[in-house]
Structures are given as C-alpha cells and as structure tokens.
Amino acid sequence: HDFFLAVLIGNLLLGIYTAFLGFIGSKTGLTTHLLARY
C-alpha cells in the first residue's frame, strides 16, 4: 500500500512541477537555458 502511495504522490508532484515548466516552454518556444536568461 505505502509503495503505491509514495510512487503516485511523488510522481504526481513531479508531473505538476514539469507541467509548469512545459507550459512556459511551449508558450514561449524557448529552451530552459534561454528562459533562465529572464
């Protein structure tokens, strides 16, 4: 039970974090490194 709970919660957090970065990348068309310039 705890294994699946940890995997699902942890990867959901990863999914949310990367979704934010993915939205910004697609919106601007810029790499992570060019975004970092701002």
Full PDB file with SEQRES, HELIX, SHEET, SSBOND, CRYST1, ORIGX, SCALE, CONECT and MASTER records, all heavy atoms in Angstrom:
SEQRES   1 A   38  HIS ASP PHE PHE LEU ALA VAL LEU ILE GLY ASN LEU LEU          
SEQRES   2 A   38  LEU GLY ILE TYR THR ALA PHE LEU GLY PHE ILE GLY SER          
SEQRES   3 A   38  LYS THR GLY LEU THR THR HIS LEU LEU ALA ARG TYR              
HELIX    1 AA1 ASP A    2  THR A   28  1                                  27    
HELIX    2 AA2 THR A   32  ARG A   37  1                                   6    
CRYST1    1.000    1.000    1.000  90.00  90.00  90.00 P 1           1          
ORIGX1      1.000000  0.000000  0.000000        0.00000                         
ORIGX2      0.000000  1.000000  0.000000        0.00000                         
ORIGX3      0.000000  0.000000  1.000000        0.00000                         
SCALE1      1.000000  0.000000  0.000000        0.00000                         
SCALE2      0.000000  1.000000  0.000000        0.00000                         
SCALE3      0.000000  0.000000  1.000000        0.00000                         
ATOM      1  N   HIS A   1       0.827  -1.210   0.000  1.00  0.00           N  
ATOM      2  CA  HIS A   1       0.000   0.000   0.000  1.00  0.00           C  
ATOM      3  C   HIS A   1       0.858   1.256   0.000  1.00  0.00           C  
ATOM      4  O   HIS A   1       0.650   2.181  -0.802  1.00  0.00           O  
ATOM      5  CB  HIS A   1      -0.932  -0.019   1.214  1.00  0.00           C  
ATOM      6  CG  HIS A   1      -1.719   1.250   1.390  1.00  0.00           C  
ATOM      7  ND1 HIS A   1      -1.259   2.306   2.181  1.00  0.00           N  
ATOM      8  CD2 HIS A   1      -2.912   1.644   0.873  1.00  0.00           C  
ATOM      9  CE1 HIS A   1      -2.143   3.285   2.135  1.00  0.00           C  
ATOM     10  NE2 HIS A   1      -3.149   2.911   1.368  1.00  0.00           N  
ATOM     11  N   ASP A   2       1.842   1.317   0.900  1.00  0.00           N  
ATOM     12  CA  ASP A   2       2.686   2.513   1.009  1.00  0.00           C  
ATOM     13  C   ASP A   2       3.543   2.714  -0.234  1.00  0.00           C  
ATOM     14  O   ASP A   2       3.838   3.852  -0.623  1.00  0.00           O  
ATOM     15  CB  ASP A   2       3.579   2.423   2.247  1.00  0.00           C  
ATOM     16  CG  ASP A   2       2.813   2.696   3.534  1.00  0.00           C  
ATOM     17  OD1 ASP A   2       1.655   3.156   3.437  1.00  0.00           O  
ATOM     18  OD2 ASP A   2       3.367   2.446   4.618  1.00  0.00           O  
ATOM     19  N   PHE A   3       3.957   1.609  -0.870  1.00  0.00           N  
ATOM     20  CA  PHE A   3       4.741   1.725  -2.096  1.00  0.00           C  
ATOM     21  C   PHE A   3       3.958   2.474  -3.167  1.00  0.00           C  
ATOM     22  O   PHE A   3       4.448   3.439  -3.761  1.00  0.00           O  
ATOM     23  CB  PHE A   3       5.145   0.344  -2.616  1.00  0.00           C  
ATOM     24  CG  PHE A   3       5.703   0.366  -4.018  1.00  0.00           C  
ATOM     25  CD1 PHE A   3       7.004   0.757  -4.247  1.00  0.00           C  
ATOM     26  CD2 PHE A   3       4.905   0.013  -5.108  1.00  0.00           C  
ATOM     27  CE1 PHE A   3       7.516   0.805  -5.553  1.00  0.00           C  
ATOM     28  CE2 PHE A   3       5.406   0.046  -6.399  1.00  0.00           C  
ATOM     29  CZ  PHE A   3       6.717   0.443  -6.620  1.00  0.00           C  
ATOM     30  N   PHE A   4       2.741   2.026  -3.424  1.00  0.00           N  
ATOM     31  CA  PHE A   4       1.943   2.667  -4.469  1.00  0.00           C  
ATOM     32  C   PHE A   4       1.571   4.096  -4.090  1.00  0.00           C  
ATOM     33  O   PHE A   4       1.527   4.984  -4.947  1.00  0.00           O  
ATOM     34  CB  PHE A   4       0.689   1.839  -4.772  1.00  0.00           C  
ATOM     35  CG  PHE A   4       0.932   0.750  -5.757  1.00  0.00           C  
ATOM     36  CD1 PHE A   4       1.192  -0.548  -5.341  1.00  0.00           C  
ATOM     37  CD2 PHE A   4       0.955   1.010  -7.115  1.00  0.00           C  
ATOM     38  CE1 PHE A   4       1.445  -1.568  -6.254  1.00  0.00           C  
ATOM     39  CE2 PHE A   4       1.210   0.011  -8.047  1.00  0.00           C  
ATOM     40  CZ  PHE A   4       1.450  -1.283  -7.611  1.00  0.00           C  
ATOM     41  N   LEU A   5       1.345   4.331  -2.805  1.00  0.00           N  
ATOM     42  CA  LEU A   5       1.026   5.684  -2.359  1.00  0.00           C  
ATOM     43  C   LEU A   5       2.206   6.621  -2.595  1.00  0.00           C  
ATOM     44  O   LEU A   5       2.046   7.735  -3.118  1.00  0.00           O  
ATOM     45  CB  LEU A   5       0.647   5.662  -0.870  1.00  0.00           C  
ATOM     46  CG  LEU A   5      -0.102   6.886  -0.324  1.00  0.00           C  
ATOM     47  CD1 LEU A   5      -1.437   7.065  -1.042  1.00  0.00           C  
ATOM     48  CD2 LEU A   5      -0.311   6.744   1.179  1.00  0.00           C  
ATOM     49  N   ALA A   6       3.413   6.182  -2.233  1.00  0.00           N  
ATOM     50  CA  ALA A   6       4.619   7.005  -2.416  1.00  0.00           C  
ATOM     51  C   ALA A   6       4.886   7.265  -3.892  1.00  0.00           C  
ATOM     52  O   ALA A   6       5.214   8.394  -4.290  1.00  0.00           O  
ATOM     53  CB  ALA A   6       5.826   6.316  -1.773  1.00  0.00           C  
ATOM     54  N   VAL A   7       4.746   6.227  -4.716  1.00  0.00           N  
ATOM     55  CA  VAL A   7       5.010   6.365  -6.154  1.00  0.00           C  
ATOM     56  C   VAL A   7       4.013   7.321  -6.801  1.00  0.00           C  
ATOM     57  O   VAL A   7       4.398   8.210  -7.580  1.00  0.00           O  
ATOM     58  CB  VAL A   7       4.981   4.981  -6.837  1.00  0.00           C  
ATOM     59  CG1 VAL A   7       4.958   5.131  -8.360  1.00  0.00           C  
ATOM     60  CG2 VAL A   7       6.187   4.162  -6.419  1.00  0.00           C  
ATOM     61  N   LEU A   8       2.739   7.167  -6.479  1.00  0.00           N  
ATOM     62  CA  LEU A   8       1.712   8.006  -7.108  1.00  0.00           C  
ATOM     63  C   LEU A   8       1.803   9.458  -6.644  1.00  0.00           C  
ATOM     64  O   LEU A   8       1.737  10.383  -7.457  1.00  0.00           O  
ATOM     65  CB  LEU A   8       0.323   7.433  -6.823  1.00  0.00           C  
ATOM     66  CG  LEU A   8       0.030   6.067  -7.461  1.00  0.00           C  
ATOM     67  CD1 LEU A   8      -1.353   5.572  -7.082  1.00  0.00           C  
ATOM     68  CD2 LEU A   8       0.168   6.132  -8.984  1.00  0.00           C  
ATOM     69  N   ILE A   9       1.987   9.678  -5.341  1.00  0.00           N  
ATOM     70  CA  ILE A   9       2.096  11.060  -4.833  1.00  0.00           C  
ATOM     71  C   ILE A   9       3.374  11.713  -5.353  1.00  0.00           C  
ATOM     72  O   ILE A   9       3.360  12.858  -5.838  1.00  0.00           O  
ATOM     73  CB  ILE A   9       2.071  11.090  -3.294  1.00  0.00           C  
ATOM     74  CG1 ILE A   9       0.700  10.661  -2.777  1.00  0.00           C  
ATOM     75  CG2 ILE A   9       2.403  12.496  -2.777  1.00  0.00           C  
ATOM     76  CD1 ILE A   9       0.627  10.521  -1.264  1.00  0.00           C  
ATOM     77  N   GLY A  10       4.499  10.996  -5.262  1.00  0.00           N  
ATOM     78  CA  GLY A  10       5.779  11.556  -5.701  1.00  0.00           C  
ATOM     79  C   GLY A  10       5.786  11.905  -7.174  1.00  0.00           C  
ATOM     80  O   GLY A  10       6.233  12.988  -7.579  1.00  0.00           O  
ATOM     81  N   ASN A  11       5.270  11.011  -7.998  1.00  0.00           N  
ATOM     82  CA  ASN A  11       5.262  11.276  -9.441  1.00  0.00           C  
ATOM     83  C   ASN A  11       4.196  12.296  -9.830  1.00  0.00           C  
ATOM     84  O   ASN A  11       4.334  12.981 -10.855  1.00  0.00           O  
ATOM     85  CB  ASN A  11       5.084   9.975 -10.217  1.00  0.00           C  
ATOM     86  CG  ASN A  11       6.378   9.180 -10.293  1.00  0.00           C  
ATOM     87  OD1 ASN A  11       7.450   9.741 -10.507  1.00  0.00           O  
ATOM     88  ND2 ASN A  11       6.298   7.872 -10.094  1.00  0.00           N  
ATOM     89  N   LEU A  12       3.148  12.422  -9.029  1.00  0.00           N  
ATOM     90  CA  LEU A  12       2.186  13.496  -9.267  1.00  0.00           C  
ATOM     91  C   LEU A  12       2.838  14.852  -9.010  1.00  0.00           C  
ATOM     92  O   LEU A  12       2.652  15.804  -9.788  1.00  0.00           O  
ATOM     93  CB  LEU A  12       0.955  13.322  -8.364  1.00  0.00           C  
ATOM     94  CG  LEU A  12      -0.147  14.372  -8.529  1.00  0.00           C  
ATOM     95  CD1 LEU A  12      -0.700  14.370  -9.955  1.00  0.00           C  
ATOM     96  CD2 LEU A  12      -1.274  14.136  -7.523  1.00  0.00           C  
ATOM     97  N   LEU A  13       3.626  14.942  -7.933  1.00  0.00           N  
ATOM     98  CA  LEU A  13       4.371  16.177  -7.656  1.00  0.00           C  
ATOM     99  C   LEU A  13       5.340  16.490  -8.796  1.00  0.00           C  
ATOM    100  O   LEU A  13       5.459  17.644  -9.233  1.00  0.00           O  
ATOM    101  CB  LEU A  13       5.137  16.055  -6.332  1.00  0.00           C  
ATOM    102  CG  LEU A  13       4.290  16.027  -5.059  1.00  0.00           C  
ATOM    103  CD1 LEU A  13       5.172  15.708  -3.844  1.00  0.00           C  
ATOM    104  CD2 LEU A  13       3.579  17.364  -4.845  1.00  0.00           C  
ATOM    105  N   LEU A  14       6.042  15.460  -9.281  1.00  0.00           N  
ATOM    106  CA  LEU A  14       6.933  15.646 -10.430  1.00  0.00           C  
ATOM    107  C   LEU A  14       6.165  16.111 -11.653  1.00  0.00           C  
ATOM    108  O   LEU A  14       6.612  16.996 -12.392  1.00  0.00           O  
ATOM    109  CB  LEU A  14       7.643  14.328 -10.761  1.00  0.00           C  
ATOM    110  CG  LEU A  14       9.038  14.086 -10.212  1.00  0.00           C  
ATOM    111  CD1 LEU A  14       9.549  12.730 -10.682  1.00  0.00           C  
ATOM    112  CD2 LEU A  14      10.007  15.183 -10.626  1.00  0.00           C  
ATOM    113  N   GLY A  15       4.988  15.508 -11.871  1.00  0.00           N  
ATOM    114  CA  GLY A  15       4.159  15.873 -13.015  1.00  0.00           C  
ATOM    115  C   GLY A  15       3.715  17.321 -12.956  1.00  0.00           C  
ATOM    116  O   GLY A  15       3.728  18.030 -13.975  1.00  0.00           O  
ATOM    117  N   ILE A  16       3.330  17.792 -11.773  1.00  0.00           N  
ATOM    118  CA  ILE A  16       2.892  19.192 -11.614  1.00  0.00           C  
ATOM    119  C   ILE A  16       4.055  20.144 -11.876  1.00  0.00           C  
ATOM    120  O   ILE A  16       3.919  21.154 -12.590  1.00  0.00           O  
ATOM    121  CB  ILE A  16       2.309  19.404 -10.198  1.00  0.00           C  
ATOM    122  CG1 ILE A  16       0.998  18.621 -10.042  1.00  0.00           C  
ATOM    123  CG2 ILE A  16       2.076  20.894  -9.935  1.00  0.00           C  
ATOM    124  CD1 ILE A  16       0.483  18.561  -8.619  1.00  0.00           C  
ATOM    125  N   TYR A  17       5.213  19.832 -11.283  1.00  0.00           N  
ATOM    126  CA  TYR A  17       6.418  20.668 -11.457  1.00  0.00           C  
ATOM    127  C   TYR A  17       6.801  20.771 -12.937  1.00  0.00           C  
ATOM    128  O   TYR A  17       7.027  21.869 -13.468  1.00  0.00           O  
ATOM    129  CB  TYR A  17       7.546  20.045 -10.639  1.00  0.00           C  
ATOM    130  CG  TYR A  17       8.925  20.632 -10.848  1.00  0.00           C  
ATOM    131  CD1 TYR A  17       9.213  21.939 -10.472  1.00  0.00           C  
ATOM    132  CD2 TYR A  17       9.953  19.861 -11.395  1.00  0.00           C  
ATOM    133  CE1 TYR A  17      10.489  22.465 -10.645  1.00  0.00           C  
ATOM    134  CE2 TYR A  17      11.226  20.376 -11.565  1.00  0.00           C  
ATOM    135  CZ  TYR A  17      11.486  21.678 -11.197  1.00  0.00           C  
ATOM    136  OH  TYR A  17      12.754  22.187 -11.372  1.00  0.00           O  
ATOM    137  N   THR A  18       6.857  19.629 -13.617  1.00  0.00           N  
ATOM    138  CA  THR A  18       7.270  19.642 -15.023  1.00  0.00           C  
ATOM    139  C   THR A  18       6.179  20.217 -15.921  1.00  0.00           C  
ATOM    140  O   THR A  18       6.485  20.774 -16.982  1.00  0.00           O  
ATOM    141  CB  THR A  18       7.633  18.217 -15.492  1.00  0.00           C  
ATOM    142  OG1 THR A  18       6.523  17.332 -15.258  1.00  0.00           O  
ATOM    143  CG2 THR A  18       8.847  17.698 -14.745  1.00  0.00           C  
ATOM    144  N   ALA A  19       4.916  20.111 -15.502  1.00  0.00           N  
ATOM    145  CA  ALA A  19       3.825  20.691 -16.292  1.00  0.00           C  
ATOM    146  C   ALA A  19       3.946  22.212 -16.341  1.00  0.00           C  
ATOM    147  O   ALA A  19       3.720  22.838 -17.384  1.00  0.00           O  
ATOM    148  CB  ALA A  19       2.476  20.286 -15.710  1.00  0.00           C  
ATOM    149  N   PHE A  20       4.305  22.830 -15.206  1.00  0.00           N  
ATOM    150  CA  PHE A  20       4.535  24.276 -15.188  1.00  0.00           C  
ATOM    151  C   PHE A  20       5.638  24.659 -16.174  1.00  0.00           C  
ATOM    152  O   PHE A  20       5.487  25.585 -16.980  1.00  0.00           O  
ATOM    153  CB  PHE A  20       4.933  24.739 -13.777  1.00  0.00           C  
ATOM    154  CG  PHE A  20       3.773  25.155 -12.919  1.00  0.00           C  
ATOM    155  CD1 PHE A  20       3.370  24.361 -11.857  1.00  0.00           C  
ATOM    156  CD2 PHE A  20       3.090  26.334 -13.153  1.00  0.00           C  
ATOM    157  CE1 PHE A  20       2.298  24.733 -11.050  1.00  0.00           C  
ATOM    158  CE2 PHE A  20       2.022  26.721 -12.362  1.00  0.00           C  
ATOM    159  CZ  PHE A  20       1.623  25.913 -11.303  1.00  0.00           C  
ATOM    160  N   LEU A  21       6.767  23.934 -16.096  1.00  0.00           N  
ATOM    161  CA  LEU A  21       7.899  24.239 -16.974  1.00  0.00           C  
ATOM    162  C   LEU A  21       7.548  23.953 -18.436  1.00  0.00           C  
ATOM    163  O   LEU A  21       7.955  24.690 -19.337  1.00  0.00           O  
ATOM    164  CB  LEU A  21       9.111  23.411 -16.556  1.00  0.00           C  
ATOM    165  CG  LEU A  21       9.710  23.779 -15.193  1.00  0.00           C  
ATOM    166  CD1 LEU A  21      10.715  22.726 -14.737  1.00  0.00           C  
ATOM    167  CD2 LEU A  21      10.379  25.150 -15.246  1.00  0.00           C  
ATOM    168  N   GLY A  22       6.770  22.889 -18.663  1.00  0.00           N  
ATOM    169  CA  GLY A  22       6.346  22.566 -20.021  1.00  0.00           C  
ATOM    170  C   GLY A  22       5.439  23.629 -20.603  1.00  0.00           C  
ATOM    171  O   GLY A  22       5.553  23.985 -21.785  1.00  0.00           O  
ATOM    172  N   PHE A  23       4.531  24.145 -19.784  1.00  0.00           N  
ATOM    173  CA  PHE A  23       3.632  25.213 -20.238  1.00  0.00           C  
ATOM    174  C   PHE A  23       4.432  26.438 -20.676  1.00  0.00           C  
ATOM    175  O   PHE A  23       4.199  27.004 -21.750  1.00  0.00           O  
ATOM    176  CB  PHE A  23       2.665  25.596 -19.116  1.00  0.00           C  
ATOM    177  CG  PHE A  23       1.729  26.723 -19.481  1.00  0.00           C  
ATOM    178  CD1 PHE A  23       0.511  26.459 -20.081  1.00  0.00           C  
ATOM    179  CD2 PHE A  23       2.076  28.045 -19.227  1.00  0.00           C  
ATOM    180  CE1 PHE A  23      -0.352  27.500 -20.431  1.00  0.00           C  
ATOM    181  CE2 PHE A  23       1.227  29.091 -19.573  1.00  0.00           C  
ATOM    182  CZ  PHE A  23       0.014  28.810 -20.175  1.00  0.00           C  
ATOM    183  N   ILE A  24       5.397  26.836 -19.836  1.00  0.00           N  
ATOM    184  CA  ILE A  24       6.217  28.018 -20.148  1.00  0.00           C  
ATOM    185  C   ILE A  24       7.040  27.778 -21.410  1.00  0.00           C  
ATOM    186  O   ILE A  24       7.145  28.649 -22.280  1.00  0.00           O  
ATOM    187  CB  ILE A  24       7.138  28.366 -18.960  1.00  0.00           C  
ATOM    188  CG1 ILE A  24       6.307  28.696 -17.712  1.00  0.00           C  
ATOM    189  CG2 ILE A  24       8.049  29.543 -19.304  1.00  0.00           C  
ATOM    190  CD1 ILE A  24       7.117  28.776 -16.436  1.00  0.00           C  
ATOM    191  N   GLY A  25       7.625  26.570 -21.527  1.00  0.00           N  
ATOM    192  CA  GLY A  25       8.438  26.252 -22.704  1.00  0.00           C  
ATOM    193  C   GLY A  25       7.628  26.285 -23.985  1.00  0.00           C  
ATOM    194  O   GLY A  25       8.067  26.844 -24.997  1.00  0.00           O  
ATOM    195  N   SER A  26       6.435  25.706 -23.960  1.00  0.00           N  
ATOM    196  CA  SER A  26       5.589  25.690 -25.156  1.00  0.00           C  
ATOM    197  C   SER A  26       5.039  27.077 -25.469  1.00  0.00           C  
ATOM    198  O   SER A  26       4.925  27.463 -26.641  1.00  0.00           O  
ATOM    199  CB  SER A  26       4.440  24.696 -24.961  1.00  0.00           C  
ATOM    200  OG  SER A  26       3.601  24.674 -26.078  1.00  0.00           O  
ATOM    201  N   LYS A  27       4.706  27.821 -24.448  1.00  0.00           N  
ATOM    202  CA  LYS A  27       4.153  29.167 -24.636  1.00  0.00           C  
ATOM    203  C   LYS A  27       5.170  30.091 -25.310  1.00  0.00           C  
ATOM    204  O   LYS A  27       4.823  30.907 -26.171  1.00  0.00           O  
ATOM    205  CB  LYS A  27       3.746  29.745 -23.285  1.00  0.00           C  
ATOM    206  CG  LYS A  27       2.983  31.053 -23.344  1.00  0.00           C  
ATOM    207  CD  LYS A  27       1.550  30.854 -23.742  1.00  0.00           C  
ATOM    208  CE  LYS A  27       0.734  32.136 -23.623  1.00  0.00           C  
ATOM    209  NZ  LYS A  27      -0.649  31.935 -24.113  1.00  0.00           N  
ATOM    210  N   THR A  28       6.442  29.958 -24.912  1.00  0.00           N  
ATOM    211  CA  THR A  28       7.489  30.847 -25.419  1.00  0.00           C  
ATOM    212  C   THR A  28       8.292  30.232 -26.566  1.00  0.00           C  
ATOM    213  O   THR A  28       8.905  30.960 -27.350  1.00  0.00           O  
ATOM    214  CB  THR A  28       8.473  31.213 -24.299  1.00  0.00           C  
ATOM    215  OG1 THR A  28       9.091  30.001 -23.806  1.00  0.00           O  
ATOM    216  CG2 THR A  28       7.760  31.919 -23.156  1.00  0.00           C  
ATOM    217  N   GLY A  29       8.339  28.889 -26.638  1.00  0.00           N  
ATOM    218  CA  GLY A  29       9.172  28.212 -27.628  1.00  0.00           C  
ATOM    219  C   GLY A  29      10.645  28.205 -27.276  1.00  0.00           C  
ATOM    220  O   GLY A  29      11.490  27.907 -28.116  1.00  0.00           O  
ATOM    221  N   LEU A  30      10.973  28.510 -26.013  1.00  0.00           N  
ATOM    222  CA  LEU A  30      12.370  28.669 -25.596  1.00  0.00           C  
ATOM    223  C   LEU A  30      12.881  27.487 -24.789  1.00  0.00           C  
ATOM    224  O   LEU A  30      12.125  26.817 -24.078  1.00  0.00           O  
ATOM    225  CB  LEU A  30      12.522  29.942 -24.756  1.00  0.00           C  
ATOM    226  CG  LEU A  30      12.190  31.263 -25.447  1.00  0.00           C  
ATOM    227  CD1 LEU A  30      12.215  32.408 -24.441  1.00  0.00           C  
ATOM    228  CD2 LEU A  30      13.161  31.536 -26.596  1.00  0.00           C  
ATOM    229  N   THR A  31      14.192  27.244 -24.880  1.00  0.00           N  
ATOM    230  CA  THR A  31      14.836  26.219 -24.063  1.00  0.00           C  
ATOM    231  C   THR A  31      14.865  26.663 -22.599  1.00  0.00           C  
ATOM    232  O   THR A  31      14.667  27.839 -22.277  1.00  0.00           O  
ATOM    233  CB  THR A  31      16.292  25.978 -24.506  1.00  0.00           C  
ATOM    234  OG1 THR A  31      17.073  27.151 -24.200  1.00  0.00           O  
ATOM    235  CG2 THR A  31      16.380  25.688 -25.989  1.00  0.00           C  
ATOM    236  N   THR A  32      15.150  25.725 -21.724  1.00  0.00           N  
ATOM    237  CA  THR A  32      15.308  26.022 -20.297  1.00  0.00           C  
ATOM    238  C   THR A  32      16.360  27.106 -20.092  1.00  0.00           C  
ATOM    239  O   THR A  32      16.204  28.000 -19.249  1.00  0.00           O  
ATOM    240  CB  THR A  32      15.741  24.748 -19.544  1.00  0.00           C  
ATOM    241  OG1 THR A  32      14.799  23.710 -19.809  1.00  0.00           O  
ATOM    242  CG2 THR A  32      15.841  24.998 -18.051  1.00  0.00           C  
ATOM    243  N   HIS A  33      17.421  27.049 -20.873  1.00  0.00           N  
ATOM    244  CA  HIS A  33      18.561  27.949 -20.692  1.00  0.00           C  
ATOM    245  C   HIS A  33      18.235  29.369 -21.156  1.00  0.00           C  
ATOM    246  O   HIS A  33      18.673  30.349 -20.546  1.00  0.00           O  
ATOM    247  CB  HIS A  33      19.765  27.382 -21.442  1.00  0.00           C  
ATOM    248  CG  HIS A  33      19.941  25.913 -21.196  1.00  0.00           C  
ATOM    249  ND1 HIS A  33      20.513  25.436 -20.049  1.00  0.00           N  
ATOM    250  CD2 HIS A  33      19.557  24.826 -21.928  1.00  0.00           C  
ATOM    251  CE1 HIS A  33      20.489  24.101 -20.081  1.00  0.00           C  
ATOM    252  NE2 HIS A  33      19.920  23.724 -21.217  1.00  0.00           N  
ATOM    253  N   LEU A  34      17.471  29.494 -22.226  1.00  0.00           N  
ATOM    254  CA  LEU A  34      17.049  30.821 -22.680  1.00  0.00           C  
ATOM    255  C   LEU A  34      15.993  31.394 -21.732  1.00  0.00           C  
ATOM    256  O   LEU A  34      15.960  32.607 -21.493  1.00  0.00           O  
ATOM    257  CB  LEU A  34      16.521  30.751 -24.108  1.00  0.00           C  
ATOM    258  CG  LEU A  34      17.529  30.313 -25.176  1.00  0.00           C  
ATOM    259  CD1 LEU A  34      16.884  30.325 -26.558  1.00  0.00           C  
ATOM    260  CD2 LEU A  34      18.773  31.201 -25.164  1.00  0.00           C  
ATOM    261  N   LEU A  35      15.139  30.534 -21.183  1.00  0.00           N  
ATOM    262  CA  LEU A  35      14.179  31.000 -20.177  1.00  0.00           C  
ATOM    263  C   LEU A  35      14.906  31.518 -18.949  1.00  0.00           C  
ATOM    264  O   LEU A  35      14.481  32.503 -18.325  1.00  0.00           O  
ATOM    265  CB  LEU A  35      13.245  29.852 -19.774  1.00  0.00           C  
ATOM    266  CG  LEU A  35      12.199  29.414 -20.808  1.00  0.00           C  
ATOM    267  CD1 LEU A  35      11.482  28.153 -20.331  1.00  0.00           C  
ATOM    268  CD2 LEU A  35      11.191  30.527 -21.065  1.00  0.00           C  
ATOM    269  N   ALA A  36      16.012  30.869 -18.592  1.00  0.00           N  
ATOM    270  CA  ALA A  36      16.773  31.281 -17.411  1.00  0.00           C  
ATOM    271  C   ALA A  36      17.362  32.680 -17.570  1.00  0.00           C  
ATOM    272  O   ALA A  36      17.657  33.343 -16.569  1.00  0.00           O  
ATOM    273  CB  ALA A  36      17.888  30.280 -17.123  1.00  0.00           C  
ATOM    274  N   ARG A  37      17.528  33.141 -18.800  1.00  0.00           N  
ATOM    275  CA  ARG A  37      18.074  34.493 -19.007  1.00  0.00           C  
ATOM    276  C   ARG A  37      17.168  35.567 -18.414  1.00  0.00           C  
ATOM    277  O   ARG A  37      17.640  36.612 -17.958  1.00  0.00           O  
ATOM    278  CB  ARG A  37      18.268  34.758 -20.500  1.00  0.00           C  
ATOM    279  CG  ARG A  37      19.394  33.964 -21.129  1.00  0.00           C  
ATOM    280  CD  ARG A  37      19.618  34.392 -22.569  1.00  0.00           C  
ATOM    281  NE  ARG A  37      20.735  33.706 -23.202  1.00  0.00           N  
ATOM    282  CZ  ARG A  37      21.241  34.028 -24.385  1.00  0.00           C  
ATOM    283  NH1 ARG A  37      20.691  35.032 -25.076  1.00  0.00           N  
ATOM    284  NH2 ARG A  37      22.259  33.359 -24.883  1.00  0.00           N  
ATOM    285  N   TYR A  38      15.854  35.333 -18.423  1.00  0.00           N  
ATOM    286  CA  TYR A  38      14.931  36.330 -17.885  1.00  0.00           C  
ATOM    287  C   TYR A  38      15.128  36.511 -16.387  1.00  0.00           C  
ATOM    288  O   TYR A  38      15.076  37.638 -15.876  1.00  0.00           O  
ATOM    289  CB  TYR A  38      13.484  35.905 -18.148  1.00  0.00           C  
ATOM    290  CG  TYR A  38      13.052  35.992 -19.582  1.00  0.00           C  
ATOM    291  CD1 TYR A  38      13.117  34.886 -20.410  1.00  0.00           C  
ATOM    292  CD2 TYR A  38      12.575  37.187 -20.125  1.00  0.00           C  
ATOM    293  CE1 TYR A  38      12.706  34.948 -21.733  1.00  0.00           C  
ATOM    294  CE2 TYR A  38      12.167  37.265 -21.447  1.00  0.00           C  
ATOM    295  CZ  TYR A  38      12.236  36.145 -22.252  1.00  0.00           C  
ATOM    296  OH  TYR A  38      11.836  36.213 -23.566  1.00  0.00           O  
TER     297      TYR A  38                                                      
MASTER        0    0    0    2    0    0    0    6  296    1    0    3          
END                                                                             
